[in-house]
Amino acid sequence: MRAIGLQAEILKVIGHPVRLRILEELTKGVKCVSDLEEFLEVSQSNVSQHLAILRRYGLIDYYMDGRLRCYYLVDPMIPDLLEVLKRDYHEQLPPPACCPVTRRGKYPGKRRR
């Protein structure tokens, strides 16, 4: 089990739109930098910076194929996490029936949102 601090760091790392798109693309299979550069429509240096961050946190890795670096997912949590983020929820969770501390029944007053 990952420590809560590491969990928070991983969420921060994958929270960038470009890195999310990279991870999503890597769930489909191995990609080299030029593939990602074309798909993301950002510069090669920018793609490489994002890949380095993802690799530093152990989410992805690469192998060399001639002069190409071919990147792939390493962390098995990533596909599951991406699936959860894609889900479409139609309802909110129900409000509590009572305050767990006072147990006085229905919540009095207006709820803050």
PDB file of N, CA and C in Angstrom:
ATOM      1  N   MET A   1       0.848  -1.186   0.000  1.00  0.00           N
ATOM      2  CA  MET A   1       0.000   0.000   0.000  1.00  0.00           C
ATOM      3  C   MET A   1       0.891   1.246   0.000  1.00  0.00           C
ATOM      4  N   ARG A   2       0.522   2.216  -0.791  1.00  0.00           N
ATOM      5  CA  ARG A   2       1.298   3.459  -0.887  1.00  0.00           C
ATOM      6  C   ARG A   2       0.960   4.372   0.275  1.00  0.00           C
ATOM      7  N   ALA A   3       1.966   5.070   0.756  1.00  0.00           N
ATOM      8  CA  ALA A   3       1.753   6.050   1.819  1.00  0.00           C
ATOM      9  C   ALA A   3       0.883   7.181   1.274  1.00  0.00           C
ATOM     10  N   ILE A   4       0.128   7.812   2.153  1.00  0.00           N
ATOM     11  CA  ILE A   4      -0.793   8.878   1.746  1.00  0.00           C
ATOM     12  C   ILE A   4      -0.054  10.028   1.058  1.00  0.00           C
ATOM     13  N   GLY A   5       1.158  10.322   1.511  1.00  0.00           N
ATOM     14  CA  GLY A   5       1.940  11.384   0.875  1.00  0.00           C
ATOM     15  C   GLY A   5       2.280  11.058  -0.565  1.00  0.00           C
ATOM     16  N   LEU A   6       2.646   9.799  -0.820  1.00  0.00           N
ATOM     17  CA  LEU A   6       2.955   9.378  -2.185  1.00  0.00           C
ATOM     18  C   LEU A   6       1.699   9.377  -3.041  1.00  0.00           C
ATOM     19  N   GLN A   7       0.574   8.984  -2.480  1.00  0.00           N
ATOM     20  CA  GLN A   7      -0.687   9.025  -3.211  1.00  0.00           C
ATOM     21  C   GLN A   7      -0.989  10.446  -3.666  1.00  0.00           C
ATOM     22  N   ALA A   8      -0.799  11.398  -2.773  1.00  0.00           N
ATOM     23  CA  ALA A   8      -1.051  12.803  -3.103  1.00  0.00           C
ATOM     24  C   ALA A   8      -0.091  13.290  -4.186  1.00  0.00           C
ATOM     25  N   GLU A   9       1.167  12.894  -4.104  1.00  0.00           N
ATOM     26  CA  GLU A   9       2.152  13.296  -5.112  1.00  0.00           C
ATOM     27  C   GLU A   9       1.782  12.742  -6.484  1.00  0.00           C
ATOM     28  N   ILE A  10       1.367  11.484  -6.526  1.00  0.00           N
ATOM     29  CA  ILE A  10       0.987  10.874  -7.803  1.00  0.00           C
ATOM     30  C   ILE A  10      -0.209  11.603  -8.405  1.00  0.00           C
ATOM     31  N   LEU A  11      -1.186  11.951  -7.572  1.00  0.00           N
ATOM     32  CA  LEU A  11      -2.343  12.686  -8.096  1.00  0.00           C
ATOM     33  C   LEU A  11      -1.928  14.048  -8.635  1.00  0.00           C
ATOM     34  N   LYS A  12      -0.981  14.706  -7.974  1.00  0.00           N
ATOM     35  CA  LYS A  12      -0.487  15.995  -8.479  1.00  0.00           C
ATOM     36  C   LYS A  12       0.217  15.808  -9.816  1.00  0.00           C
ATOM     37  N   VAL A  13       1.024  14.759  -9.918  1.00  0.00           N
ATOM     38  CA  VAL A  13       1.788  14.508 -11.133  1.00  0.00           C
ATOM     39  C   VAL A  13       0.865  14.229 -12.314  1.00  0.00           C
ATOM     40  N   ILE A  14      -0.145  13.396 -12.118  1.00  0.00           N
ATOM     41  CA  ILE A  14      -1.009  13.059 -13.254  1.00  0.00           C
ATOM     42  C   ILE A  14      -2.074  14.121 -13.492  1.00  0.00           C
ATOM     43  N   GLY A  15      -2.164  15.109 -12.612  1.00  0.00           N
ATOM     44  CA  GLY A  15      -3.187  16.148 -12.714  1.00  0.00           C
ATOM     45  C   GLY A  15      -2.975  17.154 -13.826  1.00  0.00           C
ATOM     46  N   HIS A  16      -1.891  17.077 -14.554  1.00  0.00           N
ATOM     47  CA  HIS A  16      -1.641  18.005 -15.655  1.00  0.00           C
ATOM     48  C   HIS A  16      -2.301  17.456 -16.926  1.00  0.00           C
ATOM     49  N   PRO A  17      -3.011  18.306 -17.692  1.00  0.00           N
ATOM     50  CA  PRO A  17      -3.724  17.813 -18.881  1.00  0.00           C
ATOM     51  C   PRO A  17      -2.838  17.066 -19.878  1.00  0.00           C
ATOM     52  N   VAL A  18      -1.629  17.550 -20.114  1.00  0.00           N
ATOM     53  CA  VAL A  18      -0.744  16.871 -21.076  1.00  0.00           C
ATOM     54  C   VAL A  18      -0.345  15.495 -20.546  1.00  0.00           C
ATOM     55  N   ARG A  19      -0.026  15.414 -19.262  1.00  0.00           N
ATOM     56  CA  ARG A  19       0.377  14.123 -18.692  1.00  0.00           C
ATOM     57  C   ARG A  19      -0.799  13.145 -18.674  1.00  0.00           C
ATOM     58  N   LEU A  20      -2.004  13.635 -18.423  1.00  0.00           N
ATOM     59  CA  LEU A  20      -3.183  12.764 -18.497  1.00  0.00           C
ATOM     60  C   LEU A  20      -3.352  12.199 -19.905  1.00  0.00           C
ATOM     61  N   ARG A  21      -3.171  13.034 -20.897  1.00  0.00           N
ATOM     62  CA  ARG A  21      -3.306  12.583 -22.285  1.00  0.00           C
ATOM     63  C   ARG A  21      -2.201  11.591 -22.653  1.00  0.00           C
ATOM     64  N   ILE A  22      -0.989  11.813 -22.152  1.00  0.00           N
ATOM     65  CA  ILE A  22       0.111  10.871 -22.390  1.00  0.00           C
ATOM     66  C   ILE A  22      -0.232   9.514 -21.777  1.00  0.00           C
ATOM     67  N   LEU A  23      -0.672   9.522 -20.530  1.00  0.00           N
ATOM     68  CA  LEU A  23      -1.008   8.265 -19.860  1.00  0.00           C
ATOM     69  C   LEU A  23      -2.149   7.552 -20.575  1.00  0.00           C
ATOM     70  N   GLU A  24      -3.140   8.305 -21.001  1.00  0.00           N
ATOM     71  CA  GLU A  24      -4.264   7.716 -21.729  1.00  0.00           C
ATOM     72  C   GLU A  24      -3.775   7.060 -23.014  1.00  0.00           C
ATOM     73  N   GLU A  25      -2.887   7.726 -23.714  1.00  0.00           N
ATOM     74  CA  GLU A  25      -2.353   7.169 -24.960  1.00  0.00           C
ATOM     75  C   GLU A  25      -1.509   5.922 -24.690  1.00  0.00           C
ATOM     76  N   LEU A  26      -0.765   5.922 -23.591  1.00  0.00           N
ATOM     77  CA  LEU A  26       0.077   4.769 -23.261  1.00  0.00           C
ATOM     78  C   LEU A  26      -0.742   3.562 -22.816  1.00  0.00           C
ATOM     79  N   THR A  27      -1.994   3.775 -22.398  1.00  0.00           N
ATOM     80  CA  THR A  27      -2.832   2.618 -22.078  1.00  0.00           C
ATOM     81  C   THR A  27      -3.155   1.825 -23.343  1.00  0.00           C
ATOM     82  N   LYS A  28      -3.004   2.455 -24.497  1.00  0.00           N
ATOM     83  CA  LYS A  28      -3.271   1.784 -25.778  1.00  0.00           C
ATOM     84  C   LYS A  28      -2.063   0.996 -26.270  1.00  0.00           C
ATOM     85  N   GLY A  29      -0.887   1.260 -25.676  1.00  0.00           N
ATOM     86  CA  GLY A  29       0.326   0.547 -26.086  1.00  0.00           C
ATOM     87  C   GLY A  29       1.544   1.438 -26.070  1.00  0.00           C
ATOM     88  N   VAL A  30       2.650   0.864 -26.466  1.00  0.00           N
ATOM     89  CA  VAL A  30       3.950   1.545 -26.465  1.00  0.00           C
ATOM     90  C   VAL A  30       3.943   2.679 -27.487  1.00  0.00           C
ATOM     91  N   LYS A  31       4.524   3.808 -27.085  1.00  0.00           N
ATOM     92  CA  LYS A  31       4.624   4.971 -27.983  1.00  0.00           C
ATOM     93  C   LYS A  31       6.023   5.572 -27.850  1.00  0.00           C
ATOM     94  N   CYS A  32       6.546   6.068 -28.967  1.00  0.00           N
ATOM     95  CA  CYS A  32       7.810   6.803 -28.887  1.00  0.00           C
ATOM     96  C   CYS A  32       7.500   8.303 -28.831  1.00  0.00           C
ATOM     97  N   VAL A  33       8.510   9.078 -28.542  1.00  0.00           N
ATOM     98  CA  VAL A  33       8.322  10.520 -28.342  1.00  0.00           C
ATOM     99  C   VAL A  33       7.692  11.166 -29.570  1.00  0.00           C
ATOM    100  N   SER A  34       8.121  10.781 -30.760  1.00  0.00           N
ATOM    101  CA  SER A  34       7.570  11.403 -31.971  1.00  0.00           C
ATOM    102  C   SER A  34       6.078  11.098 -32.121  1.00  0.00           C
ATOM    103  N   ASP A  35       5.648   9.882 -31.719  1.00  0.00           N
ATOM    104  CA  ASP A  35       4.216   9.557 -31.748  1.00  0.00           C
ATOM    105  C   ASP A  35       3.440  10.492 -30.830  1.00  0.00           C
ATOM    106  N   LEU A  36       3.963  10.670 -29.626  1.00  0.00           N
ATOM    107  CA  LEU A  36       3.287  11.512 -28.640  1.00  0.00           C
ATOM    108  C   LEU A  36       3.308  12.975 -29.057  1.00  0.00           C
ATOM    109  N   GLU A  37       4.434  13.410 -29.617  1.00  0.00           N
ATOM    110  CA  GLU A  37       4.564  14.793 -30.080  1.00  0.00           C
ATOM    111  C   GLU A  37       3.493  15.105 -31.130  1.00  0.00           C
ATOM    112  N   GLU A  38       3.296  14.196 -32.055  1.00  0.00           N
ATOM    113  CA  GLU A  38       2.298  14.382 -33.109  1.00  0.00           C
ATOM    114  C   GLU A  38       0.888  14.357 -32.528  1.00  0.00           C
ATOM    115  N   PHE A  39       0.626  13.414 -31.641  1.00  0.00           N
ATOM    116  CA  PHE A  39      -0.699  13.261 -31.040  1.00  0.00           C
ATOM    117  C   PHE A  39      -1.061  14.475 -30.180  1.00  0.00           C
ATOM    118  N   LEU A  40      -0.101  14.965 -29.387  1.00  0.00           N
ATOM    119  CA  LEU A  40      -0.360  16.054 -28.441  1.00  0.00           C
ATOM    120  C   LEU A  40      -0.264  17.430 -29.071  1.00  0.00           C
ATOM    121  N   GLU A  41       0.401  17.519 -30.226  1.00  0.00           N
ATOM    122  CA  GLU A  41       0.638  18.794 -30.894  1.00  0.00           C
ATOM    123  C   GLU A  41       1.380  19.781 -29.998  1.00  0.00           C
ATOM    124  N   VAL A  42       2.407  19.250 -29.294  1.00  0.00           N
ATOM    125  CA  VAL A  42       3.315  20.085 -28.508  1.00  0.00           C
ATOM    126  C   VAL A  42       4.738  19.736 -28.921  1.00  0.00           C
ATOM    127  N   SER A  43       5.684  20.571 -28.533  1.00  0.00           N
ATOM    128  CA  SER A  43       7.070  20.378 -28.960  1.00  0.00           C
ATOM    129  C   SER A  43       7.683  19.118 -28.348  1.00  0.00           C
ATOM    130  N   GLN A  44       8.717  18.622 -29.014  1.00  0.00           N
ATOM    131  CA  GLN A  44       9.423  17.422 -28.548  1.00  0.00           C
ATOM    132  C   GLN A  44      10.009  17.647 -27.167  1.00  0.00           C
ATOM    133  N   SER A  45      10.557  18.823 -26.916  1.00  0.00           N
ATOM    134  CA  SER A  45      11.159  19.095 -25.608  1.00  0.00           C
ATOM    135  C   SER A  45      10.101  19.115 -24.510  1.00  0.00           C
ATOM    136  N   ASN A  46       8.923  19.639 -24.821  1.00  0.00           N
ATOM    137  CA  ASN A  46       7.835  19.672 -23.841  1.00  0.00           C
ATOM    138  C   ASN A  46       7.348  18.259 -23.531  1.00  0.00           C
ATOM    139  N   VAL A  47       7.175  17.429 -24.562  1.00  0.00           N
ATOM    140  CA  VAL A  47       6.776  16.031 -24.359  1.00  0.00           C
ATOM    141  C   VAL A  47       7.816  15.329 -23.489  1.00  0.00           C
ATOM    142  N   SER A  48       9.093  15.537 -23.797  1.00  0.00           N
ATOM    143  CA  SER A  48      10.169  14.888 -23.045  1.00  0.00           C
ATOM    144  C   SER A  48      10.161  15.301 -21.581  1.00  0.00           C
ATOM    145  N   GLN A  49       9.872  16.556 -21.301  1.00  0.00           N
ATOM    146  CA  GLN A  49       9.798  17.017 -19.908  1.00  0.00           C
ATOM    147  C   GLN A  49       8.674  16.305 -19.160  1.00  0.00           C
ATOM    148  N   HIS A  50       7.523  16.182 -19.772  1.00  0.00           N
ATOM    149  CA  HIS A  50       6.399  15.489 -19.129  1.00  0.00           C
ATOM    150  C   HIS A  50       6.701  14.006 -18.933  1.00  0.00           C
ATOM    151  N   LEU A  51       7.332  13.395 -19.933  1.00  0.00           N
ATOM    152  CA  LEU A  51       7.704  11.982 -19.813  1.00  0.00           C
ATOM    153  C   LEU A  51       8.697  11.772 -18.677  1.00  0.00           C
ATOM    154  N   ALA A  52       9.637  12.693 -18.531  1.00  0.00           N
ATOM    155  CA  ALA A  52      10.637  12.587 -17.454  1.00  0.00           C
ATOM    156  C   ALA A  52       9.966  12.637 -16.083  1.00  0.00           C
ATOM    157  N   ILE A  53       8.972  13.487 -15.923  1.00  0.00           N
ATOM    158  CA  ILE A  53       8.254  13.583 -14.643  1.00  0.00           C
ATOM    159  C   ILE A  53       7.504  12.291 -14.363  1.00  0.00           C
ATOM    160  N   LEU A  54       6.800  11.775 -15.362  1.00  0.00           N
ATOM    161  CA  LEU A  54       6.053  10.530 -15.187  1.00  0.00           C
ATOM    162  C   LEU A  54       7.001   9.372 -14.866  1.00  0.00           C
ATOM    163  N   ARG A  55       8.152   9.375 -15.481  1.00  0.00           N
ATOM    164  CA  ARG A  55       9.144   8.314 -15.236  1.00  0.00           C
ATOM    165  C   ARG A  55       9.748   8.447 -13.835  1.00  0.00           C
ATOM    166  N   ARG A  56      10.012   9.670 -13.409  1.00  0.00           N
ATOM    167  CA  ARG A  56      10.582   9.908 -12.076  1.00  0.00           C
ATOM    168  C   ARG A  56       9.692   9.324 -10.983  1.00  0.00           C
ATOM    169  N   TYR A  57       8.391   9.362 -11.192  1.00  0.00           N
ATOM    170  CA  TYR A  57       7.451   8.836 -10.193  1.00  0.00           C
ATOM    171  C   TYR A  57       7.114   7.363 -10.420  1.00  0.00           C
ATOM    172  N   GLY A  58       7.789   6.720 -11.366  1.00  0.00           N
ATOM    173  CA  GLY A  58       7.619   5.296 -11.585  1.00  0.00           C
ATOM    174  C   GLY A  58       6.323   4.899 -12.255  1.00  0.00           C
ATOM    175  N   LEU A  59       5.703   5.835 -12.948  1.00  0.00           N
ATOM    176  CA  LEU A  59       4.441   5.534 -13.625  1.00  0.00           C
ATOM    177  C   LEU A  59       4.665   4.946 -15.009  1.00  0.00           C
ATOM    178  N   ILE A  60       5.778   5.344 -15.641  1.00  0.00           N
ATOM    179  CA  ILE A  60       6.124   4.844 -16.972  1.00  0.00           C
ATOM    180  C   ILE A  60       7.614   4.503 -17.001  1.00  0.00           C
ATOM    181  N   ASP A  61       8.034   3.839 -18.066  1.00  0.00           N
ATOM    182  CA  ASP A  61       9.455   3.588 -18.318  1.00  0.00           C
ATOM    183  C   ASP A  61       9.640   3.533 -19.829  1.00  0.00           C
ATOM    184  N   TYR A  62      10.855   3.287 -20.283  1.00  0.00           N
ATOM    185  CA  TYR A  62      11.102   3.212 -21.713  1.00  0.00           C
ATOM    186  C   TYR A  62      12.164   2.163 -21.997  1.00  0.00           C
ATOM    187  N   TYR A  63      12.244   1.764 -23.271  1.00  0.00           N
ATOM    188  CA  TYR A  63      13.354   0.959 -23.759  1.00  0.00           C
ATOM    189  C   TYR A  63      13.834   1.610 -25.042  1.00  0.00           C
ATOM    190  N   MET A  64      15.072   1.321 -25.382  1.00  0.00           N
ATOM    191  CA  MET A  64      15.655   1.901 -26.586  1.00  0.00           C
ATOM    192  C   MET A  64      15.455   0.947 -27.761  1.00  0.00           C
ATOM    193  N   ASP A  65      14.981   1.501 -28.881  1.00  0.00           N
ATOM    194  CA  ASP A  65      14.849   0.759 -30.126  1.00  0.00           C
ATOM    195  C   ASP A  65      15.655   1.551 -31.148  1.00  0.00           C
ATOM    196  N   GLY A  66      16.916   1.189 -31.279  1.00  0.00           N
ATOM    197  CA  GLY A  66      17.822   2.000 -32.097  1.00  0.00           C
ATOM    198  C   GLY A  66      18.044   3.323 -31.395  1.00  0.00           C
ATOM    199  N   ARG A  67      17.671   4.405 -32.039  1.00  0.00           N
ATOM    200  CA  ARG A  67      17.798   5.726 -31.418  1.00  0.00           C
ATOM    201  C   ARG A  67      16.486   6.197 -30.790  1.00  0.00           C
ATOM    202  N   LEU A  68      15.428   5.426 -30.925  1.00  0.00           N
ATOM    203  CA  LEU A  68      14.122   5.825 -30.402  1.00  0.00           C
ATOM    204  C   LEU A  68      13.931   5.341 -28.971  1.00  0.00           C
ATOM    205  N   ARG A  69      13.342   6.202 -28.161  1.00  0.00           N
ATOM    206  CA  ARG A  69      12.903   5.795 -26.827  1.00  0.00           C
ATOM    207  C   ARG A  69      11.432   5.450 -26.922  1.00  0.00           C
ATOM    208  N   CYS A  70      11.106   4.225 -26.572  1.00  0.00           N
ATOM    209  CA  CYS A  70       9.735   3.743 -26.645  1.00  0.00           C
ATOM    210  C   CYS A  70       9.185   3.648 -25.220  1.00  0.00           C
ATOM    211  N   TYR A  71       8.153   4.416 -24.928  1.00  0.00           N
ATOM    212  CA  TYR A  71       7.600   4.520 -23.577  1.00  0.00           C
ATOM    213  C   TYR A  71       6.404   3.600 -23.393  1.00  0.00           C
ATOM    214  N   TYR A  72       6.259   3.115 -22.159  1.00  0.00           N
ATOM    215  CA  TYR A  72       5.148   2.228 -21.821  1.00  0.00           C
ATOM    216  C   TYR A  72       4.779   2.426 -20.351  1.00  0.00           C
ATOM    217  N   LEU A  73       3.560   2.038 -19.999  1.00  0.00           N
ATOM    218  CA  LEU A  73       3.082   2.130 -18.613  1.00  0.00           C
ATOM    219  C   LEU A  73       3.746   1.068 -17.759  1.00  0.00           C
ATOM    220  N   VAL A  74       4.031   1.428 -16.505  1.00  0.00           N
ATOM    221  CA  VAL A  74       4.608   0.487 -15.550  1.00  0.00           C
ATOM    222  C   VAL A  74       3.649   0.270 -14.378  1.00  0.00           C
ATOM    223  N   ASP A  75       3.050   1.342 -13.910  1.00  0.00           N
ATOM    224  CA  ASP A  75       2.206   1.286 -12.724  1.00  0.00           C
ATOM    225  C   ASP A  75       0.829   0.728 -13.085  1.00  0.00           C
ATOM    226  N   PRO A  76       0.439  -0.416 -12.492  1.00  0.00           N
ATOM    227  CA  PRO A  76      -0.847  -1.025 -12.847  1.00  0.00           C
ATOM    228  C   PRO A  76      -2.063  -0.237 -12.365  1.00  0.00           C
ATOM    229  N   MET A  77      -1.857   0.734 -11.492  1.00  0.00           N
ATOM    230  CA  MET A  77      -2.954   1.552 -10.990  1.00  0.00           C
ATOM    231  C   MET A  77      -3.465   2.535 -12.054  1.00  0.00           C
ATOM    232  N   ILE A  78      -2.608   2.963 -12.955  1.00  0.00           N
ATOM    233  CA  ILE A  78      -2.933   4.040 -13.894  1.00  0.00           C
ATOM    234  C   ILE A  78      -4.138   3.719 -14.780  1.00  0.00           C
ATOM    235  N   PRO A  79      -4.218   2.568 -15.435  1.00  0.00           N
ATOM    236  CA  PRO A  79      -5.417   2.306 -16.250  1.00  0.00           C
ATOM    237  C   PRO A  79      -6.701   2.333 -15.419  1.00  0.00           C
ATOM    238  N   ASP A  80      -6.652   1.780 -14.203  1.00  0.00           N
ATOM    239  CA  ASP A  80      -7.838   1.808 -13.334  1.00  0.00           C
ATOM    240  C   ASP A  80      -8.231   3.234 -12.983  1.00  0.00           C
ATOM    241  N   LEU A  81      -7.251   4.033 -12.624  1.00  0.00           N
ATOM    242  CA  LEU A  81      -7.502   5.423 -12.247  1.00  0.00           C
ATOM    243  C   LEU A  81      -8.083   6.214 -13.411  1.00  0.00           C
ATOM    244  N   LEU A  82      -7.548   6.000 -14.603  1.00  0.00           N
ATOM    245  CA  LEU A  82      -8.058   6.698 -15.788  1.00  0.00           C
ATOM    246  C   LEU A  82      -9.495   6.288 -16.093  1.00  0.00           C
ATOM    247  N   GLU A  83      -9.823   5.023 -15.878  1.00  0.00           N
ATOM    248  CA  GLU A  83     -11.199   4.562 -16.089  1.00  0.00           C
ATOM    249  C   GLU A  83     -12.160   5.246 -15.119  1.00  0.00           C
ATOM    250  N   VAL A  84     -11.759   5.389 -13.871  1.00  0.00           N
ATOM    251  CA  VAL A  84     -12.603   6.067 -12.876  1.00  0.00           C
ATOM    252  C   VAL A  84     -12.826   7.520 -13.289  1.00  0.00           C
ATOM    253  N   LEU A  85     -11.795   8.177 -13.770  1.00  0.00           N
ATOM    254  CA  LEU A  85     -11.923   9.580 -14.175  1.00  0.00           C
ATOM    255  C   LEU A  85     -12.849   9.752 -15.372  1.00  0.00           C
ATOM    256  N   LYS A  86     -12.970   8.717 -16.208  1.00  0.00           N
ATOM    257  CA  LYS A  86     -13.822   8.809 -17.397  1.00  0.00           C
ATOM    258  C   LYS A  86     -15.289   8.506 -17.103  1.00  0.00           C
ATOM    259  N   ARG A  87     -15.581   7.929 -15.981  1.00  0.00           N
ATOM    260  CA  ARG A  87     -16.965   7.561 -15.669  1.00  0.00           C
ATOM    261  C   ARG A  87     -17.853   8.799 -15.605  1.00  0.00           C
ATOM    262  N   ASP A  88     -19.095   8.602 -15.985  1.00  0.00           N
ATOM    263  CA  ASP A  88     -20.070   9.679 -15.953  1.00  0.00           C
ATOM    264  C   ASP A  88     -21.065   9.393 -14.826  1.00  0.00           C
ATOM    265  N   TYR A  89     -21.032  10.205 -13.796  1.00  0.00           N
ATOM    266  CA  TYR A  89     -21.917  10.023 -12.652  1.00  0.00           C
ATOM    267  C   TYR A  89     -23.115  10.957 -12.816  1.00  0.00           C
ATOM    268  N   HIS A  90     -24.303  10.402 -12.685  1.00  0.00           N
ATOM    269  CA  HIS A  90     -25.514  11.180 -12.916  1.00  0.00           C
ATOM    270  C   HIS A  90     -26.134  11.720 -11.629  1.00  0.00           C
ATOM    271  N   GLU A  91     -25.781  11.155 -10.498  1.00  0.00           N
ATOM    272  CA  GLU A  91     -26.379  11.579  -9.240  1.00  0.00           C
ATOM    273  C   GLU A  91     -25.308  11.866  -8.206  1.00  0.00           C
ATOM    274  N   GLN A  92     -25.652  12.741  -7.267  1.00  0.00           N
ATOM    275  CA  GLN A  92     -24.767  13.000  -6.144  1.00  0.00           C
ATOM    276  C   GLN A  92     -25.045  11.970  -5.059  1.00  0.00           C
ATOM    277  N   LEU A  93     -24.127  11.868  -4.122  1.00  0.00           N
ATOM    278  CA  LEU A  93     -24.354  10.997  -2.974  1.00  0.00           C
ATOM    279  C   LEU A  93     -25.499  11.559  -2.138  1.00  0.00           C
ATOM    280  N   PRO A  94     -26.273  10.705  -1.485  1.00  0.00           N
ATOM    281  CA  PRO A  94     -27.382  11.208  -0.670  1.00  0.00           C
ATOM    282  C   PRO A  94     -26.856  11.930   0.574  1.00  0.00           C
ATOM    283  N   PRO A  95     -27.596  12.932   1.047  1.00  0.00           N
ATOM    284  CA  PRO A  95     -27.165  13.640   2.262  1.00  0.00           C
ATOM    285  C   PRO A  95     -27.333  12.727   3.479  1.00  0.00           C
ATOM    286  N   PRO A  96     -26.627  13.011   4.564  1.00  0.00           N
ATOM    287  CA  PRO A  96     -26.769  12.186   5.767  1.00  0.00           C
ATOM    288  C   PRO A  96     -28.155  12.363   6.387  1.00  0.00           C
ATOM    289  N   ALA A  97     -28.646  11.302   7.015  1.00  0.00           N
ATOM    290  CA  ALA A  97     -29.950  11.365   7.673  1.00  0.00           C
ATOM    291  C   ALA A  97     -29.871  12.191   8.944  1.00  0.00           C
ATOM    292  N   CYS A  98     -28.717  12.186   9.579  1.00  0.00           N
ATOM    293  CA  CYS A  98     -28.552  12.973  10.799  1.00  0.00           C
ATOM    294  C   CYS A  98     -27.074  13.279  11.000  1.00  0.00           C
ATOM    295  N   CYS A  99     -26.834  14.129  11.932  1.00  0.00           N
ATOM    296  CA  CYS A  99     -25.458  14.460  12.287  1.00  0.00           C
ATOM    297  C   CYS A  99     -24.887  13.273  13.075  1.00  0.00           C
ATOM    298  N   PRO A 100     -23.752  12.730  12.684  1.00  0.00           N
ATOM    299  CA  PRO A 100     -23.226  11.569  13.401  1.00  0.00           C
ATOM    300  C   PRO A 100     -22.818  11.863  14.844  1.00  0.00           C
ATOM    301  N   VAL A 101     -22.649  13.126  15.187  1.00  0.00           N
ATOM    302  CA  VAL A 101     -22.242  13.472  16.549  1.00  0.00           C
ATOM    303  C   VAL A 101     -23.460  13.638  17.463  1.00  0.00           C
ATOM    304  N   THR A 102     -24.439  14.422  17.016  1.00  0.00           N
ATOM    305  CA  THR A 102     -25.584  14.716  17.877  1.00  0.00           C
ATOM    306  C   THR A 102     -26.734  13.744  17.690  1.00  0.00           C
ATOM    307  N   ARG A 103     -26.818  13.115  16.517  1.00  0.00           N
ATOM    308  CA  ARG A 103     -27.887  12.158  16.203  1.00  0.00           C
ATOM    309  C   ARG A 103     -29.283  12.755  16.409  1.00  0.00           C
ATOM    310  N   ARG A 104     -29.448  13.993  15.969  1.00  0.00           N
ATOM    311  CA  ARG A 104     -30.723  14.699  16.170  1.00  0.00           C
ATOM    312  C   ARG A 104     -31.690  14.552  15.007  1.00  0.00           C
ATOM    313  N   GLY A 105     -31.439  13.716  14.078  1.00  0.00           N
ATOM    314  CA  GLY A 105     -32.377  13.569  12.968  1.00  0.00           C
ATOM    315  C   GLY A 105     -31.970  14.379  11.763  1.00  0.00           C
ATOM    316  N   LYS A 106     -32.927  14.903  11.050  1.00  0.00           N
ATOM    317  CA  LYS A 106     -32.659  15.653   9.822  1.00  0.00           C
ATOM    318  C   LYS A 106     -31.794  16.867  10.096  1.00  0.00           C
ATOM    319  N   TYR A 107     -30.972  17.187   9.096  1.00  0.00           N
ATOM    320  CA  TYR A 107     -30.066  18.325   9.211  1.00  0.00           C
ATOM    321  C   TYR A 107     -30.868  19.616   9.283  1.00  0.00           C
ATOM    322  N   PRO A 108     -30.694  20.406  10.336  1.00  0.00           N
ATOM    323  CA  PRO A 108     -31.434  21.663  10.466  1.00  0.00           C
ATOM    324  C   PRO A 108     -30.763  22.775   9.645  1.00  0.00           C
ATOM    325  N   GLY A 109     -31.543  23.547   8.983  1.00  0.00           N
ATOM    326  CA  GLY A 109     -30.997  24.689   8.274  1.00  0.00           C
ATOM    327  C   GLY A 109     -30.575  24.348   6.858  1.00  0.00           C
ATOM    328  N   LYS A 110     -29.928  25.331   6.232  1.00  0.00           N
ATOM    329  CA  LYS A 110     -29.512  25.173   4.836  1.00  0.00           C
ATOM    330  C   LYS A 110     -28.125  24.546   4.775  1.00  0.00           C
ATOM    331  N   ARG A 111     -27.919  23.769   3.750  1.00  0.00           N
ATOM    332  CA  ARG A 111     -26.613  23.165   3.514  1.00  0.00           C
ATOM    333  C   ARG A 111     -25.761  24.165   2.726  1.00  0.00           C
ATOM    334  N   ARG A 112     -24.518  24.236   3.088  1.00  0.00           N
ATOM    335  CA  ARG A 112     -23.576  25.091   2.362  1.00  0.00           C
ATOM    336  C   ARG A 112     -23.050  24.331   1.169  1.00  0.00           C
ATOM    337  N   ARG A 113     -22.936  25.007   0.059  1.00  0.00           N
ATOM    338  CA  ARG A 113     -22.401  24.357  -1.156  1.00  0.00           C
ATOM    339  C   ARG A 113     -21.273  25.183  -1.698  1.00  0.00           C
TER     340      ARG A 113
END
